[in-house]
């Protein structure tokens, strides 16, 4: 919305939310999310043609186009629990739109939704419409966190799906004209509603599948002495494959990949396609396997126990340049180490202590509900976890270091200084392949890098499956 306001000075954009603290933060100097470049865009437009308000009904009633960007969490109970998307918030938004509308509107699905959601939303709107006409469009979001502003300024494509009726086509043109302020015409793709909805799930499934594929290879590389970075480089040179999303790591995270694949699995099952569902399920299984494989490697390398040993965790966000911790692999790795009674000292430049403690005690999928419905900040924090303010404090006196986010600073910190302050033997478990393993070995570290030939020490201490 901020970028639309920036690029379309003739359009008034109002972002509404029922959460007062969230809207207050958007109106303050301290925005509620960290995203490079976002601050500038908001500050250029706020108060001119970009507004943030809790008066949902007033602004929805006045709008010509309503973008719905509510959460679509994975259901935790009832039919489809653990896989299906929970459309409670979507339905409630649709009912609000129907209740307050006094003029025809275009309603745009921005949230990632299961295929055929538009049909359900359409039914709610038409059955409550009081003669007002609604057109539903699907306009899925393909942003990547950390590069979201750049992705919006120069998108690979903007996808708009609508009904194949004259009214549907007219609605598509209205939304297209908004994006056409700055996006070249040939990058604005128009499809039917179902293709647009499914394209979003498919894009995330394909990206996650590439990560799981290279992570599956990383295990084989370790077993055979191959180097996953060399293998990735070689296959990425094939123009049919391409180099992106081929970095081996401790696993993928973020708010979309797992949720969208589970959703895809559920849709396949509901449509009588169990083999297709099974295929996509495997992408998540490999991701979970990669995280537990990493934890096993840490424990087995350190004489098969990390009980009461201090382990420094460098990085908690699911990727660099974001404070987002949703589904971050760090949660599962930390829980795995805590299960073996490790003592953790965690440092991340963008994630607060409160968020880390909440993530470590939150139930799976709770994070995807609106803030006011999430568990409150824990009264009791995880006692074996402390939060450090820099990498040096986190690693002081530690037996081992786990690098779980690829922040640039972890490439350049003084590892000699860190080594001198640690217990010996000192271990580095690089879950993102960001350090120069050979340089660290010369300092004296025992180093494990995912998918790289194993340190002699690690060969003597095989990981238990």
Protein backbone atom coordinates (compact mmCIF):
# COMPACT_ATOMS: atom_id res chain seq x y z
CA UNK A 1 0.00 0.00 0.00
CA UNK A 2 2.88 2.35 0.79
CA UNK A 3 4.42 1.79 -2.64
CA UNK A 4 1.06 2.23 -4.39
CA UNK A 5 0.70 5.55 -2.53
CA UNK A 6 4.22 6.57 -3.57
CA UNK A 7 3.75 5.68 -7.24
CA UNK A 8 0.13 6.91 -7.58
CA UNK A 9 -0.08 10.38 -6.06
CA UNK A 10 -3.64 10.75 -7.41
CA UNK A 11 -4.91 7.76 -5.35
CA UNK A 12 -5.74 7.97 -1.66
CA UNK A 13 -4.60 4.86 0.22
CA UNK A 14 -5.84 4.04 3.72
CA UNK A 15 -4.51 1.03 5.66
CA UNK A 16 -6.98 -0.12 8.32
CA UNK A 17 -6.59 -2.58 11.17
CA UNK A 18 -8.59 -3.32 14.32
CA UNK A 19 -5.36 -3.44 16.34
CA UNK A 20 -4.83 0.01 17.88
CA UNK A 21 -1.17 -0.58 18.91
CA UNK A 22 -0.36 -1.73 15.35
CA UNK A 23 -1.90 1.38 13.74
CA UNK A 24 -0.26 3.63 16.35
CA UNK A 25 3.10 2.09 15.39
CA UNK A 26 2.46 2.74 11.68
CA UNK A 27 1.76 6.38 12.56
CA UNK A 28 4.93 6.66 14.67
CA UNK A 29 8.66 6.96 13.94
CA UNK A 30 9.19 3.30 14.88
CA UNK A 31 7.40 1.20 12.24
CA UNK A 32 6.18 -2.20 13.48
CA UNK A 33 8.22 -4.19 10.94
CA UNK A 34 11.78 -3.91 9.71
CA UNK A 35 12.16 -3.90 5.93
CA UNK A 36 14.99 -2.07 4.11
CA UNK A 37 13.68 1.05 2.36
CA UNK A 38 10.18 0.91 3.87
CA UNK A 39 10.79 3.76 6.31
CA UNK A 40 11.57 6.21 3.50
CA UNK A 41 8.52 5.25 1.43
CA UNK A 42 6.11 5.55 4.38
CA UNK A 43 7.56 8.87 5.51
CA UNK A 44 7.33 10.36 2.00
CA UNK A 45 3.60 9.56 1.69
CA UNK A 46 2.16 9.42 5.20
CA UNK A 47 -0.30 12.23 5.82
CA UNK A 48 -0.42 13.11 2.08
CA UNK A 49 -2.12 10.22 0.33
CA UNK A 50 -1.22 7.36 2.72
CA UNK A 51 -3.12 7.07 6.00
CA UNK A 52 -3.30 4.49 8.79
CA UNK A 53 -6.54 4.18 10.76
CA UNK A 54 -8.55 1.93 13.09
CA UNK A 55 -11.83 3.28 11.69
CA UNK A 56 -12.35 0.21 9.52
CA UNK A 57 -16.02 0.77 8.71
CA UNK A 58 -15.69 4.40 7.57
CA UNK A 59 -12.79 3.76 5.19
CA UNK A 60 -14.15 0.50 3.78
CA UNK A 61 -17.47 2.25 3.07
CA UNK A 62 -15.68 5.07 1.23
CA UNK A 63 -13.31 2.88 -0.82
CA UNK A 64 -13.65 1.93 -4.50
CA UNK A 65 -11.12 -0.91 -4.20
CA UNK A 66 -10.62 -2.91 -0.99
CA UNK A 67 -7.47 -5.04 -0.63
CA UNK A 68 -7.96 -7.78 1.96
CA UNK A 69 -4.65 -8.79 3.57
CA UNK A 70 -5.77 -10.69 6.65
CA UNK A 71 -4.03 -13.76 8.08
CA UNK A 72 -4.92 -17.19 6.70
CA UNK A 73 -3.34 -19.44 9.35
CA UNK A 74 -3.18 -23.21 9.17
CA UNK A 75 -6.12 -24.75 11.07
CA UNK A 76 -5.10 -26.28 14.38
CA UNK A 77 -8.34 -28.16 15.04
CA UNK A 78 -11.40 -29.48 13.25
CA UNK A 79 -11.66 -30.52 9.61
CA UNK A 80 -8.29 -30.30 7.83
CA UNK A 81 -6.36 -29.53 11.05
CA UNK A 82 -2.62 -29.16 10.43
CA UNK A 83 -3.06 -28.58 6.68
CA UNK A 84 -6.13 -26.55 5.65
CA UNK A 85 -6.16 -22.75 5.77
CA UNK A 86 -8.35 -21.18 8.45
CA UNK A 87 -10.52 -18.61 6.66
CA UNK A 88 -12.13 -17.18 9.83
CA UNK A 89 -10.50 -13.75 9.39
CA UNK A 90 -11.24 -13.67 5.67
CA UNK A 91 -14.90 -14.43 6.24
CA UNK A 92 -15.16 -11.81 8.95
CA UNK A 93 -13.53 -9.21 6.64
CA UNK A 94 -15.97 -10.11 3.83
CA UNK A 95 -18.96 -9.74 6.17
CA UNK A 96 -17.68 -6.33 7.33
CA UNK A 97 -17.33 -5.20 3.70
CA UNK A 98 -20.89 -6.39 2.93
CA UNK A 99 -22.31 -4.71 6.05
CA UNK A 100 -20.82 -1.24 5.55
CA UNK A 101 -20.81 -0.88 1.74
CA UNK A 102 -23.14 1.67 0.22
CA UNK A 103 -21.61 1.62 -3.28
CA UNK A 104 -20.23 -0.98 -5.73
CA UNK A 105 -16.75 -2.23 -4.89
CA UNK A 106 -13.84 -4.25 -6.20
CA UNK A 107 -12.60 -6.63 -3.49
CA UNK A 108 -9.02 -7.84 -3.99
CA UNK A 109 -7.61 -10.98 -2.34
CA UNK A 110 -4.10 -10.11 -1.24
CA UNK A 111 -3.72 -12.83 1.41
CA UNK A 112 -2.49 -16.21 0.20
CA UNK A 113 -5.66 -18.25 0.05
CA UNK A 114 -6.72 -21.74 -0.98
CA UNK A 115 -7.98 -22.14 -4.54
CA UNK A 116 -11.69 -21.33 -4.80
CA UNK A 117 -11.68 -18.93 -1.81
CA UNK A 118 -12.95 -16.23 -4.16
CA UNK A 119 -16.06 -18.32 -4.71
CA UNK A 120 -16.77 -18.50 -0.97
CA UNK A 121 -16.12 -14.77 -0.52
CA UNK A 122 -18.35 -14.00 -3.50
CA UNK A 123 -21.19 -15.98 -1.92
CA UNK A 124 -20.87 -14.09 1.39
CA UNK A 125 -20.82 -10.74 -0.39
CA UNK A 126 -23.69 -11.43 -2.79
CA UNK A 127 -25.95 -12.94 -0.11
CA UNK A 128 -25.45 -9.86 2.06
CA UNK A 129 -25.16 -7.29 -0.70
CA UNK A 130 -28.43 -5.32 -0.37
CA UNK A 131 -28.30 -4.69 -4.12
CA UNK A 132 -24.65 -3.53 -4.18
CA UNK A 133 -22.42 -5.19 -6.76
CA UNK A 134 -19.05 -6.67 -5.80
CA UNK A 135 -16.33 -7.91 -8.11
CA UNK A 136 -13.71 -10.24 -6.63
CA UNK A 137 -10.13 -10.18 -7.94
CA UNK A 138 -7.15 -12.29 -6.92
CA UNK A 139 -3.88 -10.31 -6.84
CA UNK A 140 -1.38 -12.52 -5.00
CA UNK A 141 1.77 -11.06 -3.48
CA UNK A 142 5.17 -12.32 -4.65
CA UNK A 143 7.40 -10.16 -2.44
CA UNK A 144 10.45 -11.54 -0.70
CA UNK A 145 11.21 -10.17 2.75
CA UNK A 146 14.42 -8.18 2.88
CA UNK A 147 13.99 -7.05 -0.75
CA UNK A 148 10.26 -6.24 -0.71
CA UNK A 149 10.49 -2.57 -1.70
CA UNK A 150 12.80 -3.32 -4.63
CA UNK A 151 10.52 -6.23 -5.64
CA UNK A 152 7.58 -3.81 -5.73
CA UNK A 153 9.45 -1.10 -7.65
CA UNK A 154 10.55 -3.62 -10.29
CA UNK A 155 8.36 -6.71 -10.08
CA UNK A 156 8.99 -9.83 -12.23
CA UNK A 157 5.24 -9.82 -12.76
CA UNK A 158 2.00 -8.54 -11.27
CA UNK A 159 -0.74 -11.16 -11.44
CA UNK A 160 -4.44 -10.24 -11.52
CA UNK A 161 -7.14 -12.89 -11.75
CA UNK A 162 -10.83 -12.15 -12.23
CA UNK A 163 -14.10 -13.45 -13.57
CA UNK A 164 -14.42 -13.94 -17.33
CA UNK A 165 -17.53 -11.75 -17.46
CA UNK A 166 -17.74 -8.17 -18.79
CA UNK A 167 -17.94 -6.88 -15.16
CA UNK A 168 -15.02 -9.09 -14.11
CA UNK A 169 -12.89 -7.89 -17.02
CA UNK A 170 -13.74 -4.25 -16.24
CA UNK A 171 -12.62 -4.78 -12.61
CA UNK A 172 -9.34 -6.31 -13.84
CA UNK A 173 -8.73 -3.21 -15.99
CA UNK A 174 -9.38 -0.91 -12.98
CA UNK A 175 -6.73 -2.66 -10.88
CA UNK A 176 -4.39 -2.93 -13.85
CA UNK A 177 -4.55 0.86 -14.27
CA UNK A 178 -3.28 1.29 -10.69
CA UNK A 179 -0.18 -0.84 -11.30
CA UNK A 180 0.32 0.62 -14.78
CA UNK A 181 1.43 3.88 -13.07
CA UNK A 182 4.87 2.26 -12.77
CA UNK A 183 4.83 -1.36 -13.97
CA UNK A 184 5.38 -2.02 -17.71
CA UNK A 185 2.24 -3.35 -19.39
CA UNK A 186 3.85 -6.65 -20.43
CA UNK A 187 4.58 -7.48 -16.78
CA UNK A 188 0.95 -7.24 -15.70
CA UNK A 189 -0.50 -10.71 -16.29
CA UNK A 190 -4.24 -11.34 -16.24
CA UNK A 191 -5.78 -14.78 -15.72
CA UNK A 192 -8.97 -16.37 -14.44
CA UNK A 193 -9.54 -16.33 -10.68
CA UNK A 194 -8.47 -19.90 -10.00
CA UNK A 195 -5.23 -19.65 -11.98
CA UNK A 196 -4.22 -16.56 -9.98
CA UNK A 197 -5.01 -18.21 -6.64
CA UNK A 198 -3.18 -21.42 -7.55
CA UNK A 199 -0.17 -19.60 -9.07
CA UNK A 200 0.75 -18.20 -5.66
CA UNK A 201 0.69 -21.61 -3.97
CA UNK A 202 2.54 -23.16 -6.91
CA UNK A 203 5.28 -20.48 -6.90
CA UNK A 204 6.00 -20.99 -3.21
CA UNK A 205 5.86 -24.78 -3.54
CA UNK A 206 8.39 -24.73 -6.41
CA UNK A 207 10.75 -22.39 -4.52
CA UNK A 208 10.58 -24.48 -1.34
CA UNK A 209 11.08 -27.64 -3.39
CA UNK A 210 14.37 -26.24 -4.79
CA UNK A 211 15.62 -25.62 -1.26
CA UNK A 212 14.62 -29.10 -0.10
CA UNK A 213 16.25 -30.58 -3.21
CA UNK A 214 19.60 -28.92 -2.55
CA UNK A 215 19.34 -29.75 1.17
CA UNK A 216 18.73 -33.41 0.31
CA UNK A 217 21.90 -33.23 -1.81
CA UNK A 218 23.81 -31.63 1.08
CA UNK A 219 23.35 -34.79 3.17
CA UNK A 220 24.69 -36.90 0.30
CA UNK A 221 27.62 -34.50 -0.15
CA UNK A 222 28.63 -34.91 3.49
CA UNK A 223 28.41 -38.69 3.17
CA UNK A 224 30.57 -38.81 0.03
CA UNK A 225 33.04 -35.93 0.48
CA UNK A 226 31.48 -33.78 -2.26
CA UNK A 227 31.05 -30.04 -1.69
CA UNK A 228 27.45 -28.85 -2.03
CA UNK A 229 28.56 -25.33 -3.01
CA UNK A 230 30.48 -26.76 -5.99
CA UNK A 231 27.57 -29.02 -6.95
CA UNK A 232 25.08 -26.11 -6.72
CA UNK A 233 27.33 -23.89 -8.82
CA UNK A 234 27.70 -26.58 -11.48
CA UNK A 235 23.99 -27.33 -11.80
CA UNK A 236 23.02 -23.65 -11.53
CA UNK A 237 25.05 -22.94 -14.68
CA UNK A 238 22.47 -24.99 -16.60
CA UNK A 239 20.13 -22.35 -18.06
CA UNK A 240 17.17 -24.69 -17.58
CA UNK A 241 17.84 -24.81 -13.82
CA UNK A 242 19.38 -21.40 -13.02
CA UNK A 243 21.38 -20.43 -9.92
CA UNK A 244 18.73 -19.06 -7.55
CA UNK A 245 17.46 -20.85 -4.42
CA UNK A 246 20.24 -23.44 -4.55
CA UNK A 247 22.02 -22.55 -1.30
CA UNK A 248 22.13 -25.43 1.14
CA UNK A 249 21.13 -24.40 4.66
CA UNK A 250 19.66 -25.54 7.93
CA UNK A 251 16.23 -25.31 6.24
CA UNK A 252 13.68 -22.83 4.93
CA UNK A 253 11.45 -20.71 7.16
CA UNK A 254 9.19 -17.71 6.80
CA UNK A 255 5.45 -17.28 6.91
CA UNK A 256 4.62 -18.80 3.52
CA UNK A 257 6.46 -21.87 2.36
CA UNK A 258 5.35 -24.48 4.87
CA UNK A 259 1.85 -23.05 5.22
CA UNK A 260 1.28 -22.86 1.47
CA UNK A 261 2.55 -26.37 0.81
CA UNK A 262 0.34 -27.80 3.58
CA UNK A 263 -2.52 -25.94 1.98
CA UNK A 264 -1.64 -27.37 -1.44
CA UNK A 265 -1.47 -30.88 0.09
CA UNK A 266 -4.93 -30.43 1.59
CA UNK A 267 -6.41 -29.16 -1.68
CA UNK A 268 -4.89 -32.14 -3.56
CA UNK A 269 -6.33 -34.56 -1.00
CA UNK A 270 -9.76 -32.94 -1.20
CA UNK A 271 -9.68 -33.26 -4.98
CA UNK A 272 -8.88 -36.96 -4.87
CA UNK A 273 -5.17 -36.63 -5.75
CA UNK A 274 -3.36 -38.50 -2.92
CA UNK A 275 -0.17 -39.17 -4.95
CA UNK A 276 0.20 -35.49 -5.81
CA UNK A 277 -0.40 -34.57 -2.14
CA UNK A 278 2.28 -37.09 -1.08
CA UNK A 279 4.80 -35.57 -3.51
CA UNK A 280 4.46 -32.07 -2.02
CA UNK A 281 4.44 -33.39 1.56
CA UNK A 282 7.96 -34.69 0.97
CA UNK A 283 9.25 -31.12 0.48
CA UNK A 284 8.30 -30.35 4.09
CA UNK A 285 9.59 -33.70 5.38
CA UNK A 286 13.06 -32.99 3.94
CA UNK A 287 12.98 -29.52 5.51
CA UNK A 288 12.17 -31.00 8.93
CA UNK A 289 14.81 -33.69 8.41
CA UNK A 290 17.46 -31.04 7.64
CA UNK A 291 16.79 -29.26 10.95
CA UNK A 292 16.93 -32.45 13.03
CA UNK A 293 20.05 -33.59 11.10
CA UNK A 294 21.72 -30.31 12.10
CA UNK A 295 20.82 -30.75 15.78
CA UNK A 296 22.07 -34.37 15.70
CA UNK A 297 25.35 -33.19 14.20
CA UNK A 298 25.81 -30.62 16.99
CA UNK A 299 25.09 -33.11 19.76
CA UNK A 300 27.11 -36.00 18.33
CA UNK A 301 30.15 -33.80 17.64
CA UNK A 302 30.22 -32.59 21.24
CA UNK A 303 30.71 -36.05 22.76
CA UNK A 304 27.03 -36.95 22.34
CA UNK A 305 25.82 -34.50 24.96
CA UNK A 306 25.23 -30.77 25.17
CA UNK A 307 23.74 -30.97 28.67
CA UNK A 308 24.61 -27.78 30.62
CA UNK A 309 26.96 -26.68 27.83
CA UNK A 310 26.64 -23.09 26.65
CA UNK A 311 25.87 -22.85 22.95
CA UNK A 312 25.78 -19.48 21.18
CA UNK A 313 23.05 -19.04 18.58
CA UNK A 314 23.98 -16.38 16.02
CA UNK A 315 20.87 -15.31 14.16
CA UNK A 316 17.23 -16.09 14.96
CA UNK A 317 15.31 -14.45 12.07
CA UNK A 318 14.43 -16.81 9.23
CA UNK A 319 16.68 -14.87 6.82
CA UNK A 320 18.90 -11.78 6.82
CA UNK A 321 17.54 -8.22 6.55
CA UNK A 322 14.27 -8.98 8.33
CA UNK A 323 13.15 -9.22 11.95
CA UNK A 324 10.63 -11.92 10.98
CA UNK A 325 10.87 -15.16 12.96
CA UNK A 326 7.81 -16.97 11.61
CA UNK A 327 8.67 -20.67 11.06
CA UNK A 328 12.37 -19.80 11.36
CA UNK A 329 14.51 -22.98 11.48
CA UNK A 330 16.16 -21.44 14.57
CA UNK A 331 13.07 -22.34 16.63
CA UNK A 332 13.34 -26.07 15.94
CA UNK A 333 17.13 -26.08 16.32
CA UNK A 334 16.90 -24.26 19.68
CA UNK A 335 14.13 -26.57 20.89
CA UNK A 336 16.18 -29.59 19.84
CA UNK A 337 19.22 -28.36 21.77
CA UNK A 338 17.11 -27.39 24.79
CA UNK A 339 15.68 -30.93 24.70
CA UNK A 340 19.22 -32.14 25.33
CA UNK A 341 19.50 -29.60 28.20
CA UNK A 342 21.83 -27.14 26.46
CA UNK A 343 22.15 -23.57 27.78
CA UNK A 344 21.58 -21.10 24.91
CA UNK A 345 22.81 -17.56 24.43
CA UNK A 346 21.06 -16.00 21.42
CA UNK A 347 22.02 -12.94 19.40
CA UNK A 348 20.12 -11.47 16.45
CA UNK A 349 20.50 -7.83 15.36
CA UNK A 350 16.76 -7.40 14.61
CA UNK A 351 14.79 -9.76 16.87
CA UNK A 352 13.72 -8.72 20.37
CA UNK A 353 14.13 -10.83 23.51
CA UNK A 354 10.37 -10.84 23.97
CA UNK A 355 9.85 -12.28 20.47
CA UNK A 356 12.47 -15.02 20.93
CA UNK A 357 11.01 -16.13 24.27
CA UNK A 358 7.51 -16.12 22.79
CA UNK A 359 8.61 -18.18 19.78
CA UNK A 360 10.25 -20.79 21.99
CA UNK A 361 7.08 -21.48 24.00
CA UNK A 362 4.44 -20.86 21.32
CA UNK A 363 2.51 -23.77 19.86
CA UNK A 364 2.95 -24.49 16.15
CA UNK A 365 0.85 -22.19 13.90
CA UNK A 366 -0.11 -19.82 16.79
CA UNK A 367 2.12 -17.13 15.26
CA UNK A 368 -0.22 -16.74 12.30
CA UNK A 369 -3.17 -15.40 14.26
CA UNK A 370 -3.62 -11.62 14.70
CA UNK A 371 -1.50 -10.25 17.54
CA UNK A 372 -4.38 -9.69 19.96
CA UNK A 373 -5.30 -13.39 19.66
CA UNK A 374 -1.75 -14.69 20.13
CA UNK A 375 -0.54 -15.88 23.52
CA UNK A 376 0.55 -12.91 25.62
CA UNK A 377 4.24 -12.46 26.35
CA UNK A 378 5.20 -15.35 28.56
CA UNK A 379 5.24 -14.74 32.32
CA UNK A 380 7.80 -17.51 32.60
CA UNK A 381 10.59 -17.42 30.06
CA UNK A 382 12.68 -20.41 29.06
CA UNK A 383 15.28 -20.45 31.85
CA UNK A 384 18.07 -22.02 29.80
CA UNK A 385 17.90 -19.17 27.27
CA UNK A 386 19.54 -15.76 27.56
CA UNK A 387 19.62 -13.02 24.94
CA UNK A 388 22.91 -11.28 24.14
CA UNK A 389 23.43 -7.81 22.64
CA UNK A 390 26.29 -8.76 20.33
CA UNK A 391 28.08 -11.81 18.96
CA UNK A 392 31.02 -11.46 21.38
CA UNK A 393 28.82 -11.53 24.47
CA UNK A 394 26.82 -14.47 23.08
CA UNK A 395 29.91 -16.58 22.44
CA UNK A 396 31.88 -15.80 25.64
CA UNK A 397 32.52 -19.04 27.51
CA UNK A 398 30.53 -21.08 24.96
CA UNK A 399 31.42 -24.62 23.88
CA UNK A 400 29.91 -24.19 20.43
CA UNK A 401 28.41 -21.66 18.01
CA UNK A 402 25.44 -22.29 15.68
CA UNK A 403 25.05 -19.78 12.85
CA UNK A 404 21.37 -19.88 11.88
CA UNK A 405 20.82 -16.61 9.91
CA UNK A 406 23.09 -15.32 7.14
CA UNK A 407 23.49 -11.76 8.53
CA UNK A 408 26.45 -10.06 6.81
CA UNK A 409 28.09 -9.21 10.14
CA UNK A 410 28.66 -12.92 10.87
CA UNK A 411 31.10 -13.02 7.94
CA UNK A 412 33.27 -10.23 9.30
CA UNK A 413 33.32 -10.59 13.10
CA UNK A 414 36.67 -11.31 14.79
CA UNK A 415 36.62 -15.10 15.15
CA UNK A 416 40.11 -15.14 16.74
CA UNK A 417 38.77 -12.96 19.58
CA UNK A 418 35.74 -15.26 19.86
CA UNK A 419 37.89 -18.41 19.88
CA UNK A 420 40.05 -17.05 22.70
CA UNK A 421 36.96 -16.48 24.89
CA UNK A 422 35.42 -19.95 24.33
CA UNK A 423 35.77 -23.33 26.03
CA UNK A 424 38.00 -25.80 24.15
CA UNK A 425 37.55 -27.70 21.92
CA UNK A 426 35.57 -24.85 20.30
CA UNK A 427 33.00 -25.74 17.67
CA UNK A 428 31.32 -23.76 14.87
CA UNK A 429 28.22 -25.26 13.23
CA UNK A 430 27.52 -23.11 10.19
CA UNK A 431 23.89 -23.58 9.20
CA UNK A 432 24.12 -21.01 6.39
CA UNK A 433 27.60 -21.60 4.95
CA UNK A 434 28.64 -18.00 5.64
CA UNK A 435 32.08 -18.50 7.23
CA UNK A 436 35.38 -19.46 5.66
CA UNK A 437 35.74 -22.90 7.25
CA UNK A 438 39.46 -23.26 6.44
CA UNK A 439 40.32 -19.89 8.01
CA UNK A 440 38.38 -20.87 11.15
CA UNK A 441 40.13 -24.26 11.32
CA UNK A 442 43.49 -22.45 11.25
CA UNK A 443 42.40 -20.45 14.29
CA UNK A 444 41.66 -23.76 16.03
CA UNK A 445 37.90 -24.25 15.60
CA UNK A 446 36.29 -27.56 14.72
CA UNK A 447 33.94 -26.53 11.90
CA UNK A 448 30.83 -28.14 10.46
CA UNK A 449 29.44 -26.53 7.30
CA UNK A 450 26.31 -27.99 5.74
CA UNK A 451 27.06 -30.14 2.69
CA UNK A 452 30.83 -29.59 2.85
CA UNK A 453 33.54 -32.26 3.29
CA UNK A 454 33.64 -33.17 6.97
CA UNK A 455 36.29 -32.08 9.43
CA UNK A 456 38.36 -35.12 10.52
CA UNK A 457 36.92 -34.68 14.02
CA UNK A 458 33.36 -35.02 12.72
CA UNK A 459 34.21 -38.19 10.82
CA UNK A 460 35.32 -39.73 14.12
CA UNK A 461 32.06 -38.64 15.78
CA UNK A 462 29.42 -39.81 13.31
CA UNK A 463 25.98 -38.24 13.63
CA UNK A 464 23.37 -40.61 14.93
CA UNK A 465 20.46 -40.75 12.49
